[in-house]
N, C-alpha and C. Protein backbone atom coordinates (compact mmCIF):
# COMPACT_ATOMS: atom_id res chain seq x y z
N MET A 1 109.01 117.97 88.68
CA MET A 1 108.79 117.12 89.84
C MET A 1 109.36 117.84 91.05
N PRO A 2 108.59 117.93 92.12
CA PRO A 2 109.06 118.62 93.32
C PRO A 2 110.26 117.91 93.96
N LEU A 3 111.09 118.70 94.64
CA LEU A 3 112.28 118.17 95.28
C LEU A 3 111.96 117.06 96.28
N TYR A 4 110.89 117.22 97.05
CA TYR A 4 110.57 116.21 98.05
C TYR A 4 110.27 114.85 97.40
N GLU A 5 109.67 114.86 96.20
CA GLU A 5 109.41 113.59 95.50
C GLU A 5 110.72 112.96 95.02
N ILE A 6 111.65 113.78 94.57
CA ILE A 6 112.95 113.26 94.14
C ILE A 6 113.69 112.66 95.33
N ILE A 7 113.60 113.31 96.48
CA ILE A 7 114.23 112.78 97.69
C ILE A 7 113.60 111.45 98.07
N ILE A 8 112.27 111.37 98.01
CA ILE A 8 111.59 110.11 98.34
C ILE A 8 112.01 109.01 97.38
N ILE A 9 112.06 109.32 96.09
CA ILE A 9 112.50 108.33 95.10
C ILE A 9 113.94 107.90 95.39
N SER A 10 114.80 108.86 95.72
CA SER A 10 116.21 108.56 96.01
C SER A 10 116.33 107.59 97.18
N VAL A 11 115.58 107.85 98.23
CA VAL A 11 115.63 106.97 99.41
C VAL A 11 115.06 105.60 99.06
N ALA A 12 113.95 105.57 98.33
CA ALA A 12 113.35 104.29 97.95
C ALA A 12 114.31 103.47 97.10
N LEU A 13 114.99 104.12 96.15
CA LEU A 13 115.94 103.41 95.30
C LEU A 13 117.15 102.91 96.09
N ALA A 14 117.52 103.63 97.12
CA ALA A 14 118.70 103.26 97.92
C ALA A 14 118.42 102.12 98.89
N MET A 15 117.17 101.70 99.03
CA MET A 15 116.85 100.64 99.98
C MET A 15 117.50 99.30 99.62
N ASP A 16 117.61 99.01 98.32
CA ASP A 16 118.32 97.79 97.91
C ASP A 16 119.78 97.86 98.36
N ALA A 17 120.41 99.00 98.08
CA ALA A 17 121.81 99.17 98.46
C ALA A 17 121.98 99.10 99.97
N PHE A 18 121.07 99.72 100.71
CA PHE A 18 121.11 99.69 102.16
C PHE A 18 121.00 98.26 102.68
N THR A 19 120.05 97.51 102.13
CA THR A 19 119.83 96.13 102.56
C THR A 19 121.05 95.26 102.29
N ILE A 20 121.62 95.39 101.09
CA ILE A 20 122.82 94.61 100.74
C ILE A 20 123.99 95.03 101.63
N ALA A 21 124.10 96.33 101.91
CA ALA A 21 125.19 96.81 102.76
C ALA A 21 125.07 96.25 104.18
N VAL A 22 123.86 96.21 104.71
CA VAL A 22 123.65 95.61 106.04
C VAL A 22 124.09 94.15 106.01
N ALA A 23 123.67 93.43 104.98
CA ALA A 23 124.05 92.02 104.85
C ALA A 23 125.56 91.86 104.75
N CYS A 24 126.21 92.73 104.00
CA CYS A 24 127.67 92.67 103.89
C CYS A 24 128.32 92.91 105.25
N GLY A 25 127.84 93.91 105.96
CA GLY A 25 128.38 94.20 107.29
C GLY A 25 128.20 93.03 108.25
N LEU A 26 127.08 92.35 108.13
CA LEU A 26 126.82 91.19 108.99
C LEU A 26 127.73 90.02 108.65
N CYS A 27 127.98 89.83 107.37
CA CYS A 27 128.72 88.65 106.91
C CYS A 27 130.23 88.80 107.00
N MET A 28 130.73 90.02 106.98
CA MET A 28 132.17 90.21 106.98
C MET A 28 132.71 90.10 108.41
N SER A 29 133.84 89.41 108.53
CA SER A 29 134.41 89.24 109.86
C SER A 29 134.95 90.56 110.42
N LYS A 30 135.40 91.45 109.53
CA LYS A 30 135.90 92.76 109.93
C LYS A 30 135.55 93.75 108.82
N VAL A 31 135.09 94.94 109.20
CA VAL A 31 134.75 95.98 108.23
C VAL A 31 135.65 97.17 108.48
N THR A 32 136.46 97.51 107.46
CA THR A 32 137.36 98.65 107.57
C THR A 32 136.72 99.89 106.94
N GLY A 33 137.30 101.03 107.21
CA GLY A 33 136.85 102.27 106.60
C GLY A 33 137.01 102.23 105.08
N ARG A 34 138.07 101.59 104.63
CA ARG A 34 138.32 101.46 103.19
C ARG A 34 137.23 100.62 102.53
N GLN A 35 136.83 99.54 103.18
CA GLN A 35 135.77 98.69 102.62
C GLN A 35 134.44 99.43 102.60
N THR A 36 134.16 100.16 103.66
CA THR A 36 132.93 100.95 103.72
C THR A 36 132.89 101.97 102.60
N PHE A 37 134.00 102.70 102.42
CA PHE A 37 134.06 103.72 101.38
C PHE A 37 133.95 103.09 99.99
N ARG A 38 134.63 101.97 99.78
CA ARG A 38 134.63 101.31 98.47
C ARG A 38 133.21 100.85 98.10
N LEU A 39 132.50 100.23 99.04
CA LEU A 39 131.14 99.76 98.77
C LEU A 39 130.20 100.94 98.56
N ALA A 40 130.29 101.95 99.41
CA ALA A 40 129.42 103.12 99.29
C ALA A 40 129.69 103.88 97.99
N LEU A 41 130.94 104.04 97.63
CA LEU A 41 131.28 104.75 96.40
C LEU A 41 130.77 103.99 95.18
N SER A 42 130.97 102.70 95.15
CA SER A 42 130.53 101.90 94.01
C SER A 42 129.01 101.91 93.88
N PHE A 43 128.32 101.69 94.99
CA PHE A 43 126.86 101.71 94.95
C PHE A 43 126.35 103.09 94.57
N GLY A 44 126.95 104.14 95.12
CA GLY A 44 126.55 105.50 94.81
C GLY A 44 126.77 105.86 93.35
N LEU A 45 127.93 105.48 92.81
CA LEU A 45 128.22 105.76 91.39
C LEU A 45 127.25 105.04 90.47
N PHE A 46 127.04 103.76 90.72
CA PHE A 46 126.14 103.01 89.86
C PHE A 46 124.71 103.53 89.97
N GLN A 47 124.27 103.83 91.21
CA GLN A 47 122.91 104.35 91.40
C GLN A 47 122.76 105.72 90.73
N GLY A 48 123.82 106.50 90.71
CA GLY A 48 123.77 107.81 90.08
C GLY A 48 123.87 107.77 88.56
N LEU A 49 124.61 106.80 88.03
CA LEU A 49 124.79 106.71 86.58
C LEU A 49 123.63 106.00 85.87
N MET A 50 123.01 105.05 86.53
CA MET A 50 121.93 104.29 85.88
C MET A 50 120.74 105.16 85.46
N PRO A 51 120.31 106.12 86.26
CA PRO A 51 119.21 106.97 85.77
C PRO A 51 119.61 107.75 84.51
N LEU A 52 120.87 108.15 84.43
CA LEU A 52 121.34 108.84 83.22
C LEU A 52 121.24 107.93 82.00
N LEU A 53 121.64 106.67 82.17
CA LEU A 53 121.55 105.71 81.07
C LEU A 53 120.10 105.46 80.69
N GLY A 54 119.24 105.29 81.69
CA GLY A 54 117.82 105.07 81.42
C GLY A 54 117.19 106.28 80.73
N TRP A 55 117.57 107.47 81.17
CA TRP A 55 117.06 108.69 80.58
C TRP A 55 117.48 108.79 79.11
N ALA A 56 118.76 108.49 78.83
CA ALA A 56 119.26 108.53 77.45
C ALA A 56 118.54 107.49 76.59
N ALA A 57 118.31 106.31 77.14
CA ALA A 57 117.58 105.28 76.39
C ALA A 57 116.15 105.74 76.13
N GLY A 58 115.56 106.41 77.10
CA GLY A 58 114.20 106.91 76.94
C GLY A 58 114.06 107.93 75.82
N LEU A 59 115.12 108.70 75.58
CA LEU A 59 115.07 109.69 74.50
C LEU A 59 114.88 109.03 73.15
N THR A 60 115.40 107.82 73.00
CA THR A 60 115.30 107.14 71.70
C THR A 60 113.89 106.62 71.42
N VAL A 61 113.12 106.34 72.47
CA VAL A 61 111.78 105.79 72.27
C VAL A 61 110.68 106.77 72.66
N LYS A 62 111.07 107.95 73.09
CA LYS A 62 110.11 108.92 73.63
C LYS A 62 109.00 109.27 72.65
N SER A 63 109.35 109.54 71.41
CA SER A 63 108.32 109.95 70.45
C SER A 63 107.31 108.84 70.19
N MET A 64 107.73 107.60 70.35
CA MET A 64 106.83 106.47 70.11
C MET A 64 105.88 106.22 71.28
N VAL A 65 106.26 106.66 72.48
CA VAL A 65 105.48 106.29 73.66
C VAL A 65 104.94 107.49 74.44
N GLU A 66 105.07 108.69 73.92
CA GLU A 66 104.65 109.88 74.68
C GLU A 66 103.20 109.80 75.14
N LEU A 67 102.31 109.31 74.29
CA LEU A 67 100.90 109.22 74.65
C LEU A 67 100.68 108.30 75.85
N TYR A 68 101.52 107.30 75.97
CA TYR A 68 101.36 106.31 77.04
C TYR A 68 102.34 106.52 78.19
N ALA A 69 103.00 107.65 78.22
CA ALA A 69 104.05 107.91 79.21
C ALA A 69 103.59 107.69 80.65
N PRO A 70 102.43 108.22 81.08
CA PRO A 70 102.04 107.98 82.48
C PRO A 70 101.85 106.50 82.79
N TRP A 71 101.29 105.75 81.83
CA TRP A 71 101.08 104.32 82.05
C TRP A 71 102.40 103.57 82.10
N ILE A 72 103.32 103.93 81.20
CA ILE A 72 104.63 103.28 81.19
C ILE A 72 105.38 103.56 82.48
N SER A 73 105.36 104.82 82.92
CA SER A 73 106.03 105.17 84.17
C SER A 73 105.41 104.42 85.34
N PHE A 74 104.07 104.38 85.37
CA PHE A 74 103.38 103.64 86.43
C PHE A 74 103.80 102.17 86.42
N LEU A 75 103.81 101.56 85.24
CA LEU A 75 104.17 100.14 85.15
C LEU A 75 105.62 99.89 85.55
N LEU A 76 106.53 100.77 85.09
CA LEU A 76 107.94 100.60 85.45
C LEU A 76 108.15 100.75 86.96
N LEU A 77 107.60 101.81 87.53
CA LEU A 77 107.77 102.03 88.97
C LEU A 77 107.06 100.94 89.77
N SER A 78 105.91 100.49 89.30
CA SER A 78 105.20 99.41 90.00
C SER A 78 105.98 98.10 89.91
N PHE A 79 106.59 97.85 88.75
CA PHE A 79 107.40 96.64 88.61
C PHE A 79 108.58 96.67 89.57
N VAL A 80 109.29 97.79 89.58
CA VAL A 80 110.45 97.91 90.48
C VAL A 80 109.99 97.83 91.94
N GLY A 81 108.92 98.54 92.27
CA GLY A 81 108.40 98.49 93.64
C GLY A 81 107.93 97.10 94.02
N GLY A 82 107.23 96.43 93.10
CA GLY A 82 106.77 95.06 93.36
C GLY A 82 107.93 94.11 93.57
N LYS A 83 108.98 94.28 92.78
CA LYS A 83 110.18 93.44 92.93
C LYS A 83 110.80 93.67 94.31
N MET A 84 110.85 94.92 94.73
CA MET A 84 111.42 95.22 96.05
C MET A 84 110.56 94.60 97.16
N ILE A 85 109.24 94.69 97.01
CA ILE A 85 108.34 94.11 98.00
C ILE A 85 108.53 92.60 98.05
N TYR A 86 108.58 91.97 96.88
CA TYR A 86 108.79 90.52 96.82
C TYR A 86 110.10 90.12 97.49
N GLU A 87 111.17 90.84 97.14
CA GLU A 87 112.48 90.52 97.71
C GLU A 87 112.55 90.77 99.21
N SER A 88 111.69 91.66 99.71
CA SER A 88 111.70 91.92 101.15
C SER A 88 111.21 90.72 101.95
N PHE A 89 110.48 89.82 101.29
CA PHE A 89 109.97 88.64 101.96
C PHE A 89 110.86 87.41 101.75
N GLN A 90 111.90 87.54 100.94
CA GLN A 90 112.81 86.43 100.68
C GLN A 90 113.87 86.37 101.76
N LYS A 91 114.21 85.18 102.16
CA LYS A 91 115.22 85.00 103.20
C LYS A 91 116.53 84.63 102.53
N ASP A 92 117.58 85.32 102.91
CA ASP A 92 118.91 85.04 102.36
C ASP A 92 119.82 84.65 103.50
N ASP A 93 120.11 83.35 103.57
CA ASP A 93 120.96 82.85 104.65
C ASP A 93 122.42 82.69 104.22
N SER A 94 122.74 83.13 103.00
CA SER A 94 124.10 82.94 102.52
C SER A 94 125.02 83.98 103.16
N CYS A 95 126.03 83.49 103.84
CA CYS A 95 126.96 84.38 104.50
C CYS A 95 128.33 83.74 104.47
N ASP A 96 129.24 84.31 103.72
CA ASP A 96 130.59 83.78 103.59
C ASP A 96 131.55 84.79 104.20
N VAL A 97 131.98 84.53 105.44
CA VAL A 97 132.81 85.49 106.15
C VAL A 97 134.21 85.60 105.56
N ASP A 98 134.63 84.64 104.75
CA ASP A 98 135.96 84.68 104.16
C ASP A 98 136.01 85.49 102.88
N LYS A 99 134.88 85.82 102.31
CA LYS A 99 134.84 86.53 101.05
C LYS A 99 134.55 88.01 101.30
N ASP A 100 135.29 88.88 100.63
CA ASP A 100 135.11 90.33 100.77
C ASP A 100 134.24 90.82 99.60
N PRO A 101 132.98 91.17 99.86
CA PRO A 101 132.10 91.62 98.78
C PRO A 101 132.40 93.03 98.28
N THR A 102 133.40 93.68 98.87
CA THR A 102 133.73 95.04 98.45
C THR A 102 134.88 95.08 97.45
N THR A 103 135.20 93.93 96.86
CA THR A 103 136.28 93.88 95.87
C THR A 103 135.86 93.06 94.66
N GLY A 104 136.55 93.30 93.57
CA GLY A 104 136.44 92.48 92.37
C GLY A 104 135.05 92.37 91.77
N PHE A 105 134.80 91.18 91.22
CA PHE A 105 133.55 90.91 90.53
C PHE A 105 132.34 91.04 91.46
N SER A 106 132.51 90.65 92.70
CA SER A 106 131.40 90.75 93.66
C SER A 106 130.93 92.20 93.78
N LEU A 107 131.85 93.11 93.87
CA LEU A 107 131.51 94.53 94.00
C LEU A 107 130.77 95.03 92.76
N ILE A 108 131.26 94.67 91.60
CA ILE A 108 130.62 95.10 90.35
C ILE A 108 129.22 94.48 90.24
N PHE A 109 129.13 93.19 90.51
CA PHE A 109 127.84 92.49 90.42
C PHE A 109 126.81 93.12 91.38
N LEU A 110 127.20 93.33 92.62
CA LEU A 110 126.29 93.93 93.60
C LEU A 110 125.90 95.35 93.20
N SER A 111 126.86 96.10 92.67
CA SER A 111 126.58 97.49 92.26
C SER A 111 125.56 97.53 91.12
N VAL A 112 125.74 96.66 90.14
CA VAL A 112 124.79 96.62 89.03
C VAL A 112 123.43 96.12 89.51
N ALA A 113 123.43 95.06 90.30
CA ALA A 113 122.17 94.47 90.76
C ALA A 113 121.34 95.45 91.58
N THR A 114 121.99 96.25 92.40
CA THR A 114 121.24 97.19 93.24
C THR A 114 120.82 98.45 92.50
N SER A 115 121.34 98.66 91.29
CA SER A 115 121.04 99.91 90.59
C SER A 115 120.17 99.75 89.35
N LEU A 116 119.75 98.55 89.04
CA LEU A 116 118.92 98.36 87.85
C LEU A 116 117.58 99.08 87.96
N ASP A 117 117.05 99.15 89.17
CA ASP A 117 115.79 99.88 89.34
C ASP A 117 115.96 101.37 89.05
N ALA A 118 117.14 101.91 89.29
CA ALA A 118 117.41 103.31 88.98
C ALA A 118 117.40 103.55 87.47
N LEU A 119 117.77 102.53 86.70
CA LEU A 119 117.71 102.61 85.24
C LEU A 119 116.26 102.82 84.79
N ALA A 120 115.35 102.06 85.38
CA ALA A 120 113.93 102.18 85.04
C ALA A 120 113.39 103.55 85.43
N VAL A 121 113.83 104.08 86.55
CA VAL A 121 113.39 105.41 86.98
C VAL A 121 113.90 106.46 86.00
N GLY A 122 115.14 106.34 85.54
CA GLY A 122 115.67 107.27 84.54
C GLY A 122 114.86 107.22 83.25
N LEU A 123 114.46 106.03 82.84
CA LEU A 123 113.63 105.87 81.66
C LEU A 123 112.30 106.59 81.85
N SER A 124 111.71 106.43 83.02
CA SER A 124 110.45 107.12 83.33
C SER A 124 110.61 108.63 83.28
N PHE A 125 111.70 109.13 83.85
CA PHE A 125 111.95 110.57 83.84
C PHE A 125 112.05 111.10 82.41
N SER A 126 112.70 110.33 81.55
CA SER A 126 112.87 110.74 80.16
C SER A 126 111.53 110.80 79.45
N ILE A 127 110.73 109.78 79.64
CA ILE A 127 109.43 109.72 78.97
C ILE A 127 108.51 110.84 79.45
N LEU A 128 108.61 111.18 80.74
CA LEU A 128 107.78 112.25 81.29
C LEU A 128 108.39 113.64 81.08
N ASP A 129 109.54 113.69 80.42
CA ASP A 129 110.23 114.94 80.09
C ASP A 129 110.69 115.70 81.34
N TYR A 130 111.14 114.96 82.36
CA TYR A 130 111.70 115.56 83.56
C TYR A 130 113.22 115.68 83.38
N PRO A 131 113.83 116.71 83.94
CA PRO A 131 115.29 116.80 83.89
C PRO A 131 115.90 115.68 84.73
N ILE A 132 117.14 115.29 84.42
CA ILE A 132 117.72 114.12 85.08
C ILE A 132 118.97 114.39 85.89
N VAL A 133 119.70 115.45 85.62
CA VAL A 133 121.00 115.64 86.25
C VAL A 133 120.89 115.76 87.77
N MET A 134 120.07 116.68 88.26
CA MET A 134 119.94 116.85 89.71
C MET A 134 119.38 115.59 90.38
N PRO A 135 118.32 114.97 89.84
CA PRO A 135 117.85 113.73 90.47
C PRO A 135 118.90 112.63 90.48
N SER A 136 119.67 112.54 89.41
CA SER A 136 120.70 111.51 89.32
C SER A 136 121.78 111.72 90.38
N VAL A 137 122.20 112.96 90.56
CA VAL A 137 123.20 113.27 91.59
C VAL A 137 122.64 112.97 92.97
N LEU A 138 121.41 113.36 93.21
CA LEU A 138 120.78 113.11 94.51
C LEU A 138 120.60 111.62 94.77
N ILE A 139 120.23 110.86 93.76
CA ILE A 139 120.10 109.40 93.89
C ILE A 139 121.45 108.79 94.25
N GLY A 140 122.52 109.22 93.58
CA GLY A 140 123.85 108.70 93.87
C GLY A 140 124.33 109.04 95.28
N ILE A 141 124.12 110.27 95.70
CA ILE A 141 124.54 110.69 97.04
C ILE A 141 123.75 109.93 98.11
N THR A 142 122.46 109.79 97.89
CA THR A 142 121.62 109.06 98.85
C THR A 142 122.07 107.61 98.97
N ALA A 143 122.34 106.98 97.83
CA ALA A 143 122.81 105.59 97.86
C ALA A 143 124.15 105.48 98.58
N PHE A 144 125.04 106.43 98.33
CA PHE A 144 126.34 106.44 99.00
C PHE A 144 126.17 106.49 100.52
N VAL A 145 125.37 107.44 100.98
CA VAL A 145 125.18 107.64 102.42
C VAL A 145 124.50 106.43 103.06
N LEU A 146 123.42 105.95 102.45
CA LEU A 146 122.70 104.82 103.05
C LEU A 146 123.51 103.52 102.99
N THR A 147 124.35 103.38 101.99
CA THR A 147 125.22 102.20 101.93
C THR A 147 126.24 102.24 103.06
N ALA A 148 126.85 103.40 103.27
CA ALA A 148 127.83 103.54 104.36
C ALA A 148 127.17 103.28 105.71
N ILE A 149 125.98 103.81 105.89
CA ILE A 149 125.25 103.57 107.14
C ILE A 149 124.91 102.09 107.28
N GLY A 150 124.45 101.51 106.19
CA GLY A 150 124.03 100.10 106.22
C GLY A 150 125.14 99.14 106.58
N ILE A 151 126.32 99.30 105.98
CA ILE A 151 127.41 98.38 106.28
C ILE A 151 127.87 98.52 107.73
N GLN A 152 127.84 99.76 108.23
CA GLN A 152 128.22 99.97 109.63
C GLN A 152 127.15 99.42 110.59
N LEU A 153 125.89 99.56 110.22
CA LEU A 153 124.83 98.96 111.04
C LEU A 153 124.97 97.44 111.08
N GLY A 154 125.22 96.87 109.92
CA GLY A 154 125.41 95.42 109.86
C GLY A 154 126.58 94.97 110.71
N ARG A 155 127.65 95.76 110.68
CA ARG A 155 128.84 95.43 111.46
C ARG A 155 128.55 95.52 112.96
N LYS A 156 127.84 96.56 113.35
CA LYS A 156 127.62 96.78 114.78
C LYS A 156 126.48 95.97 115.37
N PHE A 157 125.43 95.79 114.60
CA PHE A 157 124.24 95.16 115.14
C PHE A 157 123.79 94.00 114.26
N SER A 158 124.15 92.83 114.63
CA SER A 158 123.71 91.69 113.82
C SER A 158 122.19 91.56 113.88
N ALA A 159 121.56 92.08 114.90
CA ALA A 159 120.10 92.04 115.01
C ALA A 159 119.44 92.95 113.97
N ALA A 160 120.19 93.90 113.42
CA ALA A 160 119.61 94.82 112.44
C ALA A 160 119.16 94.08 111.18
N SER A 161 119.72 92.90 110.93
CA SER A 161 119.34 92.16 109.73
C SER A 161 117.87 91.77 109.76
N ARG A 162 117.30 91.66 110.95
CA ARG A 162 115.88 91.31 111.05
C ARG A 162 115.00 92.42 110.51
N TYR A 163 115.51 93.65 110.48
CA TYR A 163 114.70 94.79 110.10
C TYR A 163 115.02 95.34 108.71
N SER A 164 116.07 94.86 108.07
CA SER A 164 116.44 95.41 106.77
C SER A 164 115.38 95.13 105.71
N HIS A 165 114.65 94.03 105.85
CA HIS A 165 113.59 93.73 104.88
C HIS A 165 112.46 94.75 104.95
N ILE A 166 112.26 95.36 106.10
CA ILE A 166 111.21 96.37 106.26
C ILE A 166 111.54 97.60 105.42
N ALA A 167 112.81 97.99 105.40
CA ALA A 167 113.22 99.14 104.59
C ALA A 167 112.96 98.87 103.12
N GLU A 168 113.25 97.67 102.67
CA GLU A 168 113.02 97.33 101.27
C GLU A 168 111.52 97.29 100.95
N LEU A 169 110.73 96.78 101.88
CA LEU A 169 109.28 96.73 101.72
C LEU A 169 108.71 98.14 101.60
N VAL A 170 109.12 99.03 102.49
CA VAL A 170 108.64 100.42 102.46
C VAL A 170 109.08 101.10 101.17
N GLY A 171 110.32 100.87 100.75
CA GLY A 171 110.82 101.46 99.50
C GLY A 171 109.98 101.02 98.31
N GLY A 172 109.61 99.75 98.26
CA GLY A 172 108.77 99.24 97.18
C GLY A 172 107.39 99.87 97.17
N ILE A 173 106.79 99.99 98.34
CA ILE A 173 105.46 100.60 98.45
C ILE A 173 105.51 102.06 98.00
N VAL A 174 106.55 102.78 98.40
CA VAL A 174 106.69 104.19 98.03
C VAL A 174 106.81 104.34 96.51
N LEU A 175 107.59 103.49 95.86
CA LEU A 175 107.73 103.58 94.40
C LEU A 175 106.40 103.33 93.70
N ILE A 176 105.64 102.36 94.18
CA ILE A 176 104.33 102.09 93.59
C ILE A 176 103.40 103.29 93.78
N MET A 177 103.43 103.89 94.95
CA MET A 177 102.57 105.05 95.22
C MET A 177 102.94 106.24 94.33
N ILE A 178 104.24 106.45 94.10
CA ILE A 178 104.66 107.54 93.22
C ILE A 178 104.23 107.24 91.78
N GLY A 179 104.35 105.99 91.36
CA GLY A 179 103.88 105.61 90.03
C GLY A 179 102.39 105.85 89.88
N LEU A 180 101.62 105.52 90.91
CA LEU A 180 100.18 105.74 90.89
C LEU A 180 99.87 107.24 90.82
N LYS A 181 100.63 108.04 91.55
CA LYS A 181 100.43 109.50 91.53
C LYS A 181 100.69 110.04 90.12
N LEU A 182 101.75 109.55 89.45
CA LEU A 182 102.05 110.00 88.10
C LEU A 182 100.93 109.61 87.15
N LEU A 183 100.36 108.44 87.35
CA LEU A 183 99.29 107.97 86.49
C LEU A 183 98.03 108.81 86.66
N LEU A 184 97.74 109.21 87.88
CA LEU A 184 96.51 109.95 88.16
C LEU A 184 96.60 111.43 87.85
N GLN A 185 97.81 111.95 87.64
CA GLN A 185 97.96 113.39 87.33
C GLN A 185 97.47 113.71 85.95
């Protein structure tokens, strides 16, 4: 898989993390450098580790599904992309300024929730026999950077929340298009 496709996938996968980070920045009464780093590190680690887990899981079923690999990859990427598109149209008015989402169970929950799509991408990579280490590292770094940017955008510009759904929508469309490209190859 060419590097530019891995970069596109990395950015598309990081859109969930970016959107949640913007929301966190909007909802928190004060955002410190420590909170920004903690959220970005957690999202980046989970986004980077989930493709490895998906890839390892894919090795166990690879021989059973090799013939259908392009279809499975297309369906997985389309499902993840469709979920992102659907969520881009959902309105989330929940904002608790007294709660810090960068600590405890909230941090773990958000990290897992934003990285489940990366698990499916890792599974697709395994089935298609693509290497995973470099894409996984790139996915993690991209999520880290976009999360840090997102929380700071949310902190600085409350109006940015109106546009965060667009990033998630575009990310979903890109994943579906990549899945379609894999199917047609």
